[in-house]
């Protein structure tokens, strides 16, 4: 048995979240498992580093899959991507130590929230931003984010993760 780490990106607009669900085939995990299983030739489970809600996107999400043996990563990845919809991509596939689990081995998570403050929303970014054409109190938002971040890190037992930035 060989464990592989997958790095995934997806536009979640058309999906009902990450986690496989019995009442729909429109989940990221379900489609990845379908593509990985077809590529391997036997049923597989793909474990994600975390779940996302419906409509949520990921630039970089880690997943893990256990295969029966060693594979040529670039060929396996290419075959999976060929089977996946264009809004889900496996960016990288890497052989890792057995025992690696995307969720249990995770040391942190980083979330980005984009706010479009223009009078009219950007036509190309409207699916990926929250349109709020008013003045924001950035200092108050930063204080709230810092408190929440410290609280989550303490509860999760993890160290410093991502840093907030204003663009």
Foldseek 3Di string as FASTA:
>chain_A
DFKKKWKKWFQQAQAQKADDDPVDCRHVQNLLQVLLCVLQVHGWGKAWQDMDGHRDTDPTTMIMIDHPDDDDFVVSQVSSCVSHPPRMHGPGMGTDDPPDGNNVPDQDDDDDAAEAQDPDDDPVCVSRHHYDVDDDPVVVVVVVVVVVVVVVCVVVVHDDDDDDDDD
